Amino acid sequence: MNRAVLALVCDGGADWSPKSTLTQFHLGRFWRDHNFDMLICVCYAPGLSRYNPIEHLWSPCSKWLAGVSLSACLPGEDTPPSQQSLTSEELHEKEKQVFSNALDALDSYWNGKVHDGFRITSKGITEPCVDQYTDFCTVKDTVTGSLKSIRESEEKIKILEEWKYFTKHMDRIRGFVCFRRGICDEHMCDCRNKEVQAVNIMKLPVSRRWAFPPITPDPQHLDHYMIFHQLTTALKFSNPDEHLKEVMNSHCDKCRYVFTSENDKAKHLRLIHGGVRSRSESASDNSSGAAKKSKPGAKCPVCGEVFSSRYQLQKHQNEKNHKLGRGRPKKN
């Protein structure tokens, strides 16, 4: 792929949304393995998908596939690979070929069609699909798991180190993620080994709070925002996500990561920046835990026993039949 900068406009689905940590990780691999100067992935805000060009294009593309059936079998075979007596390796190879054939079929239906005056170019593939990475489930367990579970697995430790590397080169706000070479603080980092190709785009100002300038109002035009040319010469910028009042606007002091919730903040700090909570956080957790134990809602109204959660209380009431009925409760 001979590109210096790639911008992806995706829908908000879980498989593609840049809001997903798992998606961010695989985008980081994509950015690194293809030596992009910059990789941007963005999705439209909820309720604004009608402005997404993907939504406008997929409708006619889907209509052109009306009545089309993609074969689940290889040429010359009448049975799908999943229904054949094959080893796991043979099944894997055949299913990759089936998928590649399906993409070629879609290419034949779409390539050259014209929509809204524009010719559609459906890029085919020249070789069977290759899965360079086979650790999808392990990556998912790593980015969603606990630090303790990661430390118990050498493979997960390597994945976490890989994720930390991406974070050093990543700008993450709500609905947007950007990977950019040369923005880490390490002058010997391998991201600086390649000569920059997208010279003008890489001139965009960089801050410890962003790798790509955040959305900033145009001071000369009310209710408008600065365009690319203005961003390259602007002297002042808004804070990341400053104009999104419905989300947290706090950002990580150690990298360009904007938190979207308290849980997101705790998880990021735990996994990416050492995994050690401060004493104030631990004290806060202990005090909140003690408060939970003393809540009236976690105390059995029949026998007075105190439980750490409502779930434990309900379990106790079901086992001991200590549920309140009508009238005054009977005490032992």
C-alpha atoms as a PDB file:
ATOM      1  CA  MET A   1       0.000   0.000   0.000  1.00  0.00           C
ATOM      2  CA  ASN A   2       1.869   3.052  -1.273  1.00  0.00           C
ATOM      3  CA  ARG A   3       0.250   5.794   0.801  1.00  0.00           C
ATOM      4  CA  ALA A   4       1.711   8.174   3.323  1.00  0.00           C
ATOM      5  CA  VAL A   5      -1.564   9.204   4.987  1.00  0.00           C
ATOM      6  CA  LEU A   6      -4.803   7.257   5.177  1.00  0.00           C
ATOM      7  CA  ALA A   7      -8.096   8.610   6.533  1.00  0.00           C
ATOM      8  CA  LEU A   8     -10.889   6.144   7.268  1.00  0.00           C
ATOM      9  CA  VAL A   9     -14.497   7.270   7.707  1.00  0.00           C
ATOM     10  CA  CYS A  10     -16.357   4.443   9.425  1.00  0.00           C
ATOM     11  CA  ASP A  11     -19.807   3.865  10.804  1.00  0.00           C
ATOM     12  CA  GLY A  12     -20.401   3.649  14.517  1.00  0.00           C
ATOM     13  CA  GLY A  13     -20.681  -0.139  14.629  1.00  0.00           C
ATOM     14  CA  ALA A  14     -18.683  -1.985  17.251  1.00  0.00           C
ATOM     15  CA  ASP A  15     -16.496  -3.711  14.626  1.00  0.00           C
ATOM     16  CA  TRP A  16     -15.187  -0.438  13.182  1.00  0.00           C
ATOM     17  CA  SER A  17     -15.797   2.335  15.659  1.00  0.00           C
ATOM     18  CA  PRO A  18     -12.614   4.154  16.766  1.00  0.00           C
ATOM     19  CA  LYS A  19     -14.228   4.360  20.193  1.00  0.00           C
ATOM     20  CA  SER A  20     -13.418   0.669  20.683  1.00  0.00           C
ATOM     21  CA  THR A  21     -10.083  -0.075  22.362  1.00  0.00           C
ATOM     22  CA  LEU A  22      -9.818  -3.295  20.372  1.00  0.00           C
ATOM     23  CA  THR A  23     -10.291  -1.383  17.108  1.00  0.00           C
ATOM     24  CA  GLN A  24      -7.686   1.157  18.179  1.00  0.00           C
ATOM     25  CA  PHE A  25      -5.182  -1.628  18.814  1.00  0.00           C
ATOM     26  CA  HIS A  26      -5.617  -3.193  15.375  1.00  0.00           C
ATOM     27  CA  LEU A  27      -5.518   0.221  13.711  1.00  0.00           C
ATOM     28  CA  GLY A  28      -2.218   0.764  15.489  1.00  0.00           C
ATOM     29  CA  ARG A  29      -0.877  -2.425  13.949  1.00  0.00           C
ATOM     30  CA  PHE A  30      -2.164  -1.331  10.551  1.00  0.00           C
ATOM     31  CA  TRP A  31      -0.436   2.050  10.906  1.00  0.00           C
ATOM     32  CA  ARG A  32       2.847   0.509  12.006  1.00  0.00           C
ATOM     33  CA  ASP A  33       3.006  -2.399   9.554  1.00  0.00           C
ATOM     34  CA  HIS A  34       2.264  -0.208   6.504  1.00  0.00           C
ATOM     35  CA  ASN A  35       4.623   2.588   7.546  1.00  0.00           C
ATOM     36  CA  PHE A  36       2.022   5.342   7.304  1.00  0.00           C
ATOM     37  CA  ASP A  37       3.075   8.837   8.249  1.00  0.00           C
ATOM     38  CA  MET A  38      -0.406   9.259   9.675  1.00  0.00           C
ATOM     39  CA  LEU A  39      -3.492   7.083  10.006  1.00  0.00           C
ATOM     40  CA  ILE A  40      -6.822   8.675  10.932  1.00  0.00           C
ATOM     41  CA  CYS A  41     -10.059   6.883  11.747  1.00  0.00           C
ATOM     42  CA  VAL A  42     -13.236   8.816  12.506  1.00  0.00           C
ATOM     43  CA  CYS A  43     -16.935   8.091  12.835  1.00  0.00           C
ATOM     44  CA  TYR A  44     -19.891  10.456  12.850  1.00  0.00           C
ATOM     45  CA  ALA A  45     -21.557  11.416  16.110  1.00  0.00           C
ATOM     46  CA  PRO A  46     -24.745   9.585  17.133  1.00  0.00           C
ATOM     47  CA  GLY A  47     -27.744  11.019  15.296  1.00  0.00           C
ATOM     48  CA  LEU A  48     -25.645  12.410  12.447  1.00  0.00           C
ATOM     49  CA  SER A  49     -25.145   9.230  10.420  1.00  0.00           C
ATOM     50  CA  ARG A  50     -27.342  10.692   7.684  1.00  0.00           C
ATOM     51  CA  TYR A  51     -24.391  12.911   6.784  1.00  0.00           C
ATOM     52  CA  ASN A  52     -22.039   9.949   6.529  1.00  0.00           C
ATOM     53  CA  PRO A  53     -21.074   9.411   2.855  1.00  0.00           C
ATOM     54  CA  ILE A  54     -20.855   5.685   3.547  1.00  0.00           C
ATOM     55  CA  GLU A  55     -24.568   5.575   4.323  1.00  0.00           C
ATOM     56  CA  HIS A  56     -25.368   7.241   0.986  1.00  0.00           C
ATOM     57  CA  LEU A  57     -23.133   4.912  -1.009  1.00  0.00           C
ATOM     58  CA  TRP A  58     -24.036   1.576   0.532  1.00  0.00           C
ATOM     59  CA  SER A  59     -27.703   1.841  -0.361  1.00  0.00           C
ATOM     60  CA  PRO A  60     -27.202   1.678  -4.153  1.00  0.00           C
ATOM     61  CA  CYS A  61     -24.358  -0.814  -3.705  1.00  0.00           C
ATOM     62  CA  SER A  62     -26.712  -3.068  -1.774  1.00  0.00           C
ATOM     63  CA  LYS A  63     -29.399  -2.734  -4.473  1.00  0.00           C
ATOM     64  CA  TRP A  64     -26.925  -3.905  -7.116  1.00  0.00           C
ATOM     65  CA  LEU A  65     -26.507  -7.092  -5.100  1.00  0.00           C
ATOM     66  CA  ALA A  66     -30.229  -7.893  -5.035  1.00  0.00           C
ATOM     67  CA  GLY A  67     -30.628 -11.582  -5.836  1.00  0.00           C
ATOM     68  CA  VAL A  68     -26.872 -12.219  -5.763  1.00  0.00           C
ATOM     69  CA  SER A  69     -25.718 -15.353  -3.959  1.00  0.00           C
ATOM     70  CA  LEU A  70     -22.073 -15.746  -2.981  1.00  0.00           C
ATOM     71  CA  SER A  71     -20.846 -19.314  -3.095  1.00  0.00           C
ATOM     72  CA  ALA A  72     -19.707 -20.957   0.117  1.00  0.00           C
ATOM     73  CA  CYS A  73     -17.916 -23.649  -1.871  1.00  0.00           C
ATOM     74  CA  LEU A  74     -14.704 -23.672  -3.844  1.00  0.00           C
ATOM     75  CA  PRO A  75     -14.876 -24.168  -7.631  1.00  0.00           C
ATOM     76  CA  GLY A  76     -15.382 -27.858  -8.448  1.00  0.00           C
ATOM     77  CA  GLU A  77     -16.709 -28.680  -4.968  1.00  0.00           C
ATOM     78  CA  ASP A  78     -20.331 -29.088  -3.885  1.00  0.00           C
ATOM     79  CA  THR A  79     -19.790 -28.933  -0.126  1.00  0.00           C
ATOM     80  CA  PRO A  80     -18.596 -25.980   1.970  1.00  0.00           C
ATOM     81  CA  PRO A  81     -15.245 -26.532   3.713  1.00  0.00           C
ATOM     82  CA  SER A  82     -16.938 -26.479   7.126  1.00  0.00           C
ATOM     83  CA  GLN A  83     -18.876 -29.620   6.160  1.00  0.00           C
ATOM     84  CA  GLN A  84     -15.849 -31.525   4.868  1.00  0.00           C
ATOM     85  CA  SER A  85     -13.566 -33.861   6.798  1.00  0.00           C
ATOM     86  CA  LEU A  86     -10.530 -31.613   7.009  1.00  0.00           C
ATOM     87  CA  THR A  87      -7.782 -30.848   9.474  1.00  0.00           C
ATOM     88  CA  SER A  88      -7.909 -27.448  11.143  1.00  0.00           C
ATOM     89  CA  GLU A  89      -5.094 -26.187   8.882  1.00  0.00           C
ATOM     90  CA  GLU A  90      -6.820 -27.425   5.712  1.00  0.00           C
ATOM     91  CA  LEU A  91     -10.132 -25.909   6.815  1.00  0.00           C
ATOM     92  CA  HIS A  92      -8.457 -22.577   7.551  1.00  0.00           C
ATOM     93  CA  GLU A  93      -6.777 -22.427   4.139  1.00  0.00           C
ATOM     94  CA  LYS A  94      -9.938 -23.350   2.243  1.00  0.00           C
ATOM     95  CA  GLU A  95     -12.081 -20.832   4.113  1.00  0.00           C
ATOM     96  CA  LYS A  96      -9.580 -18.077   3.272  1.00  0.00           C
ATOM     97  CA  GLN A  97      -9.902 -19.002  -0.394  1.00  0.00           C
ATOM     98  CA  VAL A  98     -13.722 -18.994  -0.186  1.00  0.00           C
ATOM     99  CA  PHE A  99     -13.634 -15.532   1.342  1.00  0.00           C
ATOM    100  CA  SER A 100     -11.214 -14.296  -1.337  1.00  0.00           C
ATOM    101  CA  ASN A 101     -13.492 -15.621  -4.080  1.00  0.00           C
ATOM    102  CA  ALA A 102     -16.454 -13.840  -2.505  1.00  0.00           C
ATOM    103  CA  LEU A 103     -14.549 -10.528  -2.552  1.00  0.00           C
ATOM    104  CA  ASP A 104     -13.690 -11.063  -6.215  1.00  0.00           C
ATOM    105  CA  ALA A 105     -17.384 -11.657  -6.935  1.00  0.00           C
ATOM    106  CA  LEU A 106     -18.388  -8.438  -5.183  1.00  0.00           C
ATOM    107  CA  ASP A 107     -15.726  -6.582  -7.131  1.00  0.00           C
ATOM    108  CA  SER A 108     -17.233  -7.779 -10.412  1.00  0.00           C
ATOM    109  CA  TYR A 109     -20.671  -6.418  -9.435  1.00  0.00           C
ATOM    110  CA  TRP A 110     -19.486  -3.018  -8.166  1.00  0.00           C
ATOM    111  CA  ASN A 111     -16.408  -2.010 -10.117  1.00  0.00           C
ATOM    112  CA  GLY A 112     -17.163   0.512 -12.860  1.00  0.00           C
ATOM    113  CA  LYS A 113     -20.680   1.353 -11.672  1.00  0.00           C
ATOM    114  CA  VAL A 114     -21.601   5.037 -11.511  1.00  0.00           C
ATOM    115  CA  HIS A 115     -23.347   6.632  -8.537  1.00  0.00           C
ATOM    116  CA  ASP A 116     -24.242  10.302  -8.302  1.00  0.00           C
ATOM    117  CA  GLY A 117     -21.927  11.059 -11.201  1.00  0.00           C
ATOM    118  CA  PHE A 118     -18.927   9.324  -9.653  1.00  0.00           C
ATOM    119  CA  ARG A 119     -17.395   6.114 -10.912  1.00  0.00           C
ATOM    120  CA  ILE A 120     -17.056   3.420  -8.258  1.00  0.00           C
ATOM    121  CA  THR A 121     -13.722   1.662  -8.035  1.00  0.00           C
ATOM    122  CA  SER A 122     -13.965  -1.616  -6.183  1.00  0.00           C
ATOM    123  CA  LYS A 123     -10.442  -2.752  -5.428  1.00  0.00           C
ATOM    124  CA  GLY A 124      -9.981  -6.452  -6.012  1.00  0.00           C
ATOM    125  CA  ILE A 125      -7.366  -8.707  -4.458  1.00  0.00           C
ATOM    126  CA  THR A 126      -4.587 -10.498  -6.262  1.00  0.00           C
ATOM    127  CA  GLU A 127      -3.938 -13.252  -3.733  1.00  0.00           C
ATOM    128  CA  PRO A 128      -5.919 -15.145  -1.096  1.00  0.00           C
ATOM    129  CA  CYS A 129      -6.629 -13.348   2.143  1.00  0.00           C
ATOM    130  CA  VAL A 130      -3.729 -13.616   4.541  1.00  0.00           C
ATOM    131  CA  ASP A 131      -4.262 -13.418   8.261  1.00  0.00           C
ATOM    132  CA  GLN A 132      -0.988 -11.957   9.447  1.00  0.00           C
ATOM    133  CA  TYR A 133      -2.121 -12.115  13.057  1.00  0.00           C
ATOM    134  CA  THR A 134      -3.911 -15.037  14.670  1.00  0.00           C
ATOM    135  CA  ASP A 135      -4.087 -13.668  18.214  1.00  0.00           C
ATOM    136  CA  PHE A 136      -7.395 -11.790  17.991  1.00  0.00           C
ATOM    137  CA  CYS A 137      -8.901 -13.477  21.056  1.00  0.00           C
ATOM    138  CA  THR A 138      -5.732 -12.969  23.104  1.00  0.00           C
ATOM    139  CA  VAL A 139      -5.629  -9.287  22.156  1.00  0.00           C
ATOM    140  CA  LYS A 140      -9.269  -8.909  23.165  1.00  0.00           C
ATOM    141  CA  ASP A 141      -8.621 -10.580  26.527  1.00  0.00           C
ATOM    142  CA  THR A 142      -5.628  -8.276  27.056  1.00  0.00           C
ATOM    143  CA  VAL A 143      -7.280  -4.924  26.339  1.00  0.00           C
ATOM    144  CA  THR A 144     -10.419  -5.867  28.281  1.00  0.00           C
ATOM    145  CA  GLY A 145      -8.865  -7.898  31.073  1.00  0.00           C
ATOM    146  CA  SER A 146      -7.254  -7.122  34.399  1.00  0.00           C
ATOM    147  CA  LEU A 147      -3.610  -6.314  34.970  1.00  0.00           C
ATOM    148  CA  LYS A 148      -3.282  -9.442  37.098  1.00  0.00           C
ATOM    149  CA  SER A 149      -4.445 -11.719  34.277  1.00  0.00           C
ATOM    150  CA  ILE A 150      -2.033  -9.994  31.883  1.00  0.00           C
ATOM    151  CA  ARG A 151       0.946 -10.524  34.166  1.00  0.00           C
ATOM    152  CA  GLU A 152       0.195 -14.240  34.261  1.00  0.00           C
ATOM    153  CA  SER A 153       0.685 -14.607  30.489  1.00  0.00           C
ATOM    154  CA  GLU A 154       3.873 -13.845  28.549  1.00  0.00           C
ATOM    155  CA  GLU A 155       1.873 -13.452  25.341  1.00  0.00           C
ATOM    156  CA  LYS A 156      -0.437 -10.887  26.951  1.00  0.00           C
ATOM    157  CA  ILE A 157       2.553  -9.001  28.365  1.00  0.00           C
ATOM    158  CA  LYS A 158       3.965  -8.657  24.840  1.00  0.00           C
ATOM    159  CA  ILE A 159       0.588  -7.457  23.553  1.00  0.00           C
ATOM    160  CA  LEU A 160       0.376  -4.891  26.369  1.00  0.00           C
ATOM    161  CA  GLU A 161       3.843  -3.580  25.470  1.00  0.00           C
ATOM    162  CA  GLU A 162       2.682  -3.337  21.862  1.00  0.00           C
ATOM    163  CA  TRP A 163      -0.397  -1.415  23.002  1.00  0.00           C
ATOM    164  CA  LYS A 164       1.773   0.976  25.041  1.00  0.00           C
ATOM    165  CA  TYR A 165       3.853   1.643  21.928  1.00  0.00           C
ATOM    166  CA  PHE A 166       0.731   2.561  19.946  1.00  0.00           C
ATOM    167  CA  THR A 167      -0.476   4.813  22.764  1.00  0.00           C
ATOM    168  CA  LYS A 168       2.726   6.862  22.562  1.00  0.00           C
ATOM    169  CA  HIS A 169       1.900   7.649  18.937  1.00  0.00           C
ATOM    170  CA  MET A 170      -1.874   7.943  19.276  1.00  0.00           C
ATOM    171  CA  ASP A 171      -4.293  10.832  19.615  1.00  0.00           C
ATOM    172  CA  ARG A 172      -7.623   9.616  20.960  1.00  0.00           C
ATOM    173  CA  ILE A 173     -10.791  11.660  21.475  1.00  0.00           C
ATOM    174  CA  ARG A 174     -14.450  10.731  21.192  1.00  0.00           C
ATOM    175  CA  GLY A 175     -15.198   9.163  17.795  1.00  0.00           C
ATOM    176  CA  PHE A 176     -11.680   9.875  16.529  1.00  0.00           C
ATOM    177  CA  VAL A 177      -8.279   8.227  16.692  1.00  0.00           C
ATOM    178  CA  CYS A 178      -5.074   9.286  14.953  1.00  0.00           C
ATOM    179  CA  PHE A 179      -1.686   7.561  14.773  1.00  0.00           C
ATOM    180  CA  ARG A 180       1.217   9.775  13.780  1.00  0.00           C
ATOM    181  CA  ARG A 181       4.911   9.181  13.409  1.00  0.00           C
ATOM    182  CA  GLY A 182       7.462  11.280  15.262  1.00  0.00           C
ATOM    183  CA  ILE A 183       5.266  12.493  18.136  1.00  0.00           C
ATOM    184  CA  CYS A 184       6.685  10.303  20.892  1.00  0.00           C
ATOM    185  CA  ASP A 185       9.260  11.641  23.326  1.00  0.00           C
ATOM    186  CA  GLU A 186      11.790   8.949  22.419  1.00  0.00           C
ATOM    187  CA  HIS A 187      14.299  10.263  19.865  1.00  0.00           C
ATOM    188  CA  MET A 188      15.616   6.740  19.171  1.00  0.00           C
ATOM    189  CA  CYS A 189      12.147   5.330  18.473  1.00  0.00           C
ATOM    190  CA  ASP A 190      11.826   3.339  15.235  1.00  0.00           C
ATOM    191  CA  CYS A 191       8.951   5.620  14.165  1.00  0.00           C
ATOM    192  CA  ARG A 192      11.614   8.165  13.159  1.00  0.00           C
ATOM    193  CA  ASN A 193      13.603   5.811  10.928  1.00  0.00           C
ATOM    194  CA  LYS A 194      11.538   6.427   7.802  1.00  0.00           C
ATOM    195  CA  GLU A 195      11.639   9.655   5.801  1.00  0.00           C
ATOM    196  CA  VAL A 196       8.435  11.679   5.944  1.00  0.00           C
ATOM    197  CA  GLN A 197       6.461  11.621   2.676  1.00  0.00           C
ATOM    198  CA  ALA A 198       3.394  13.703   3.537  1.00  0.00           C
ATOM    199  CA  VAL A 199       5.447  16.819   4.252  1.00  0.00           C
ATOM    200  CA  ASN A 200       2.591  19.356   4.265  1.00  0.00           C
ATOM    201  CA  ILE A 201       0.239  17.285   6.379  1.00  0.00           C
ATOM    202  CA  MET A 202       2.975  16.496   8.874  1.00  0.00           C
ATOM    203  CA  LYS A 203       3.433  20.235   9.357  1.00  0.00           C
ATOM    204  CA  LEU A 204       0.196  20.287  11.320  1.00  0.00           C
ATOM    205  CA  PRO A 205       0.963  21.534  14.835  1.00  0.00           C
ATOM    206  CA  VAL A 206       1.484  18.925  17.526  1.00  0.00           C
ATOM    207  CA  SER A 207       0.894  19.379  21.246  1.00  0.00           C
ATOM    208  CA  ARG A 208       1.237  17.178  24.282  1.00  0.00           C
ATOM    209  CA  ARG A 209      -2.553  17.101  24.169  1.00  0.00           C
ATOM    210  CA  TRP A 210      -3.078  16.291  20.502  1.00  0.00           C
ATOM    211  CA  ALA A 211      -1.355  14.755  17.489  1.00  0.00           C
ATOM    212  CA  PHE A 212      -3.968  16.224  15.148  1.00  0.00           C
ATOM    213  CA  PRO A 213      -5.400  19.700  15.916  1.00  0.00           C
ATOM    214  CA  PRO A 214      -8.801  19.379  17.627  1.00  0.00           C
ATOM    215  CA  ILE A 215     -11.990  20.939  16.321  1.00  0.00           C
ATOM    216  CA  THR A 216     -11.605  24.678  16.835  1.00  0.00           C
ATOM    217  CA  PRO A 217     -14.147  27.442  16.070  1.00  0.00           C
ATOM    218  CA  ASP A 218     -13.308  29.878  13.299  1.00  0.00           C
ATOM    219  CA  PRO A 219     -12.994  33.291  15.008  1.00  0.00           C
ATOM    220  CA  GLN A 220     -13.977  35.068  11.798  1.00  0.00           C
ATOM    221  CA  HIS A 221     -17.146  33.059  11.079  1.00  0.00           C
ATOM    222  CA  LEU A 222     -19.730  32.417  13.781  1.00  0.00           C
ATOM    223  CA  ASP A 223     -20.824  28.765  14.201  1.00  0.00           C
ATOM    224  CA  HIS A 224     -18.125  27.575  11.778  1.00  0.00           C
ATOM    225  CA  TYR A 225     -14.895  25.692  12.404  1.00  0.00           C
ATOM    226  CA  MET A 226     -11.434  26.093  10.951  1.00  0.00           C
ATOM    227  CA  ILE A 227     -10.575  24.139   7.806  1.00  0.00           C
ATOM    228  CA  PHE A 228      -7.329  22.314   7.095  1.00  0.00           C
ATOM    229  CA  HIS A 229      -5.511  25.351   5.686  1.00  0.00           C
ATOM    230  CA  GLN A 230      -6.437  27.432   8.728  1.00  0.00           C
ATOM    231  CA  LEU A 231      -5.301  24.699  11.100  1.00  0.00           C
ATOM    232  CA  THR A 232      -1.794  24.721   9.627  1.00  0.00           C
ATOM    233  CA  THR A 233      -1.299  28.376  10.561  1.00  0.00           C
ATOM    234  CA  ALA A 234      -3.557  28.806  13.607  1.00  0.00           C
ATOM    235  CA  LEU A 235      -1.995  30.145  16.776  1.00  0.00           C
ATOM    236  CA  LYS A 236      -4.665  29.004  19.198  1.00  0.00           C
ATOM    237  CA  PHE A 237      -6.709  25.799  19.452  1.00  0.00           C
ATOM    238  CA  SER A 238      -9.548  24.475  21.549  1.00  0.00           C
ATOM    239  CA  ASN A 239      -8.986  21.681  24.026  1.00  0.00           C
ATOM    240  CA  PRO A 240      -9.743  18.164  22.758  1.00  0.00           C
ATOM    241  CA  ASP A 241     -13.484  17.440  23.009  1.00  0.00           C
ATOM    242  CA  GLU A 242     -14.032  20.865  24.556  1.00  0.00           C
ATOM    243  CA  HIS A 243     -17.248  21.362  22.574  1.00  0.00           C
ATOM    244  CA  LEU A 244     -18.733  17.977  23.514  1.00  0.00           C
ATOM    245  CA  LYS A 245     -20.469  18.794  26.757  1.00  0.00           C
ATOM    246  CA  GLU A 246     -21.942  15.315  27.223  1.00  0.00           C
ATOM    247  CA  VAL A 247     -18.565  13.609  27.772  1.00  0.00           C
ATOM    248  CA  MET A 248     -15.669  13.975  30.162  1.00  0.00           C
ATOM    249  CA  ASN A 249     -13.131  16.487  28.929  1.00  0.00           C
ATOM    250  CA  SER A 250     -10.272  15.405  31.163  1.00  0.00           C
ATOM    251  CA  HIS A 251      -7.225  14.009  29.423  1.00  0.00           C
ATOM    252  CA  CYS A 252      -4.246  11.899  30.413  1.00  0.00           C
ATOM    253  CA  ASP A 253      -1.249  13.930  31.577  1.00  0.00           C
ATOM    254  CA  LYS A 254       1.166  11.327  30.221  1.00  0.00           C
ATOM    255  CA  CYS A 255      -0.207  10.837  26.698  1.00  0.00           C
ATOM    256  CA  ARG A 256      -2.807  12.169  24.228  1.00  0.00           C
ATOM    257  CA  TYR A 257      -5.746  10.158  25.495  1.00  0.00           C
ATOM    258  CA  VAL A 258      -9.055  11.853  26.344  1.00  0.00           C
ATOM    259  CA  PHE A 259     -11.175   9.981  28.873  1.00  0.00           C
ATOM    260  CA  THR A 260     -14.829   9.319  28.153  1.00  0.00           C
ATOM    261  CA  SER A 261     -15.748   8.017  31.627  1.00  0.00           C
ATOM    262  CA  GLU A 262     -14.305   7.385  35.059  1.00  0.00           C
ATOM    263  CA  ASN A 263     -14.009   3.661  34.276  1.00  0.00           C
ATOM    264  CA  ASP A 264     -12.193   4.479  31.047  1.00  0.00           C
ATOM    265  CA  LYS A 265      -9.793   6.698  32.983  1.00  0.00           C
ATOM    266  CA  ALA A 266      -9.077   4.076  35.645  1.00  0.00           C
ATOM    267  CA  LYS A 267      -8.527   1.343  33.077  1.00  0.00           C
ATOM    268  CA  HIS A 268      -6.209   3.470  30.940  1.00  0.00           C
ATOM    269  CA  LEU A 269      -4.057   4.548  33.865  1.00  0.00           C
ATOM    270  CA  ARG A 270      -3.916   1.002  35.226  1.00  0.00           C
ATOM    271  CA  LEU A 271      -2.916  -0.737  31.992  1.00  0.00           C
ATOM    272  CA  ILE A 272      -0.872   1.890  30.156  1.00  0.00           C
ATOM    273  CA  HIS A 273       0.863   3.866  32.873  1.00  0.00           C
ATOM    274  CA  GLY A 274       2.163   1.410  35.430  1.00  0.00           C
ATOM    275  CA  GLY A 275      -0.924  -0.230  36.856  1.00  0.00           C
ATOM    276  CA  VAL A 276      -0.335   1.127  40.365  1.00  0.00           C
ATOM    277  CA  ARG A 277      -3.120   3.115  41.961  1.00  0.00           C
ATOM    278  CA  SER A 278      -2.307   6.069  44.165  1.00  0.00           C
ATOM    279  CA  ARG A 279      -2.927   6.009  47.908  1.00  0.00           C
ATOM    280  CA  SER A 280      -5.722   8.527  47.543  1.00  0.00           C
ATOM    281  CA  GLU A 281      -7.455   6.258  45.013  1.00  0.00           C
ATOM    282  CA  SER A 282      -7.003   3.220  47.260  1.00  0.00           C
ATOM    283  CA  ALA A 283      -8.295   5.152  50.263  1.00  0.00           C
ATOM    284  CA  SER A 284     -11.228   6.340  48.215  1.00  0.00           C
ATOM    285  CA  ASP A 285     -11.963   2.778  47.126  1.00  0.00           C
ATOM    286  CA  ASN A 286     -11.728   1.510  50.704  1.00  0.00           C
ATOM    287  CA  SER A 287     -13.997   4.236  52.019  1.00  0.00           C
ATOM    288  CA  SER A 288     -16.514   3.668  49.242  1.00  0.00           C
ATOM    289  CA  GLY A 289     -16.381  -0.064  49.929  1.00  0.00           C
ATOM    290  CA  ALA A 290     -17.035   0.508  53.603  1.00  0.00           C
ATOM    291  CA  ALA A 291     -19.908   2.792  52.716  1.00  0.00           C
ATOM    292  CA  LYS A 292     -21.381   0.105  50.535  1.00  0.00           C
ATOM    293  CA  LYS A 293     -21.285  -2.410  53.389  1.00  0.00           C
ATOM    294  CA  SER A 294     -23.079  -0.039  55.724  1.00  0.00           C
ATOM    295  CA  LYS A 295     -25.773   0.926  53.258  1.00  0.00           C
ATOM    296  CA  PRO A 296     -29.281   0.158  54.530  1.00  0.00           C
ATOM    297  CA  GLY A 297     -30.010  -1.551  51.212  1.00  0.00           C
ATOM    298  CA  ALA A 298     -27.310  -4.196  51.902  1.00  0.00           C
ATOM    299  CA  LYS A 299     -28.610  -5.113  55.348  1.00  0.00           C
ATOM    300  CA  CYS A 300     -31.100  -7.893  55.862  1.00  0.00           C
ATOM    301  CA  PRO A 301     -34.218  -6.385  57.492  1.00  0.00           C
ATOM    302  CA  VAL A 302     -35.064  -9.703  59.163  1.00  0.00           C
ATOM    303  CA  CYS A 303     -31.850 -10.915  60.806  1.00  0.00           C
ATOM    304  CA  GLY A 304     -29.758  -7.733  60.530  1.00  0.00           C
ATOM    305  CA  GLU A 305     -26.801  -9.344  58.748  1.00  0.00           C
ATOM    306  CA  VAL A 306     -24.817  -6.907  56.555  1.00  0.00           C
ATOM    307  CA  PHE A 307     -23.691  -7.789  53.013  1.00  0.00           C
ATOM    308  CA  SER A 308     -21.210  -6.162  50.642  1.00  0.00           C
ATOM    309  CA  SER A 309     -23.646  -5.931  47.738  1.00  0.00           C
ATOM    310  CA  ARG A 310     -27.313  -6.077  46.882  1.00  0.00           C
ATOM    311  CA  TYR A 311     -26.665  -9.334  45.022  1.00  0.00           C
ATOM    312  CA  GLN A 312     -25.319 -11.014  48.163  1.00  0.00           C
ATOM    313  CA  LEU A 313     -28.277  -9.709  50.150  1.00  0.00           C
ATOM    314  CA  GLN A 314     -30.804 -11.062  47.660  1.00  0.00           C
ATOM    315  CA  LYS A 315     -29.011 -14.408  47.585  1.00  0.00           C
ATOM    316  CA  HIS A 316     -29.197 -14.580  51.388  1.00  0.00           C
ATOM    317  CA  GLN A 317     -32.900 -13.656  51.416  1.00  0.00           C
ATOM    318  CA  ASN A 318     -33.710 -16.374  48.894  1.00  0.00           C
ATOM    319  CA  GLU A 319     -31.790 -19.048  50.812  1.00  0.00           C
ATOM    320  CA  LYS A 320     -33.086 -18.103  54.282  1.00  0.00           C
ATOM    321  CA  ASN A 321     -36.527 -16.986  53.159  1.00  0.00           C
ATOM    322  CA  HIS A 322     -35.902 -13.596  54.765  1.00  0.00           C
ATOM    323  CA  LYS A 323     -37.977 -11.673  52.266  1.00  0.00           C
ATOM    324  CA  LEU A 324     -40.342  -9.040  53.566  1.00  0.00           C
ATOM    325  CA  GLY A 325     -43.998  -9.851  53.227  1.00  0.00           C
ATOM    326  CA  ARG A 326     -47.000  -7.698  53.846  1.00  0.00           C
ATOM    327  CA  GLY A 327     -47.304  -6.247  57.310  1.00  0.00           C
ATOM    328  CA  ARG A 328     -44.544  -6.140  59.901  1.00  0.00           C
ATOM    329  CA  PRO A 329     -41.538  -8.447  59.335  1.00  0.00           C
ATOM    330  CA  LYS A 330     -41.084 -11.333  61.733  1.00  0.00           C
ATOM    331  CA  LYS A 331     -37.800 -11.199  63.585  1.00  0.00           C
ATOM    332  CA  ASN A 332     -36.024 -14.160  65.155  1.00  0.00           C
END
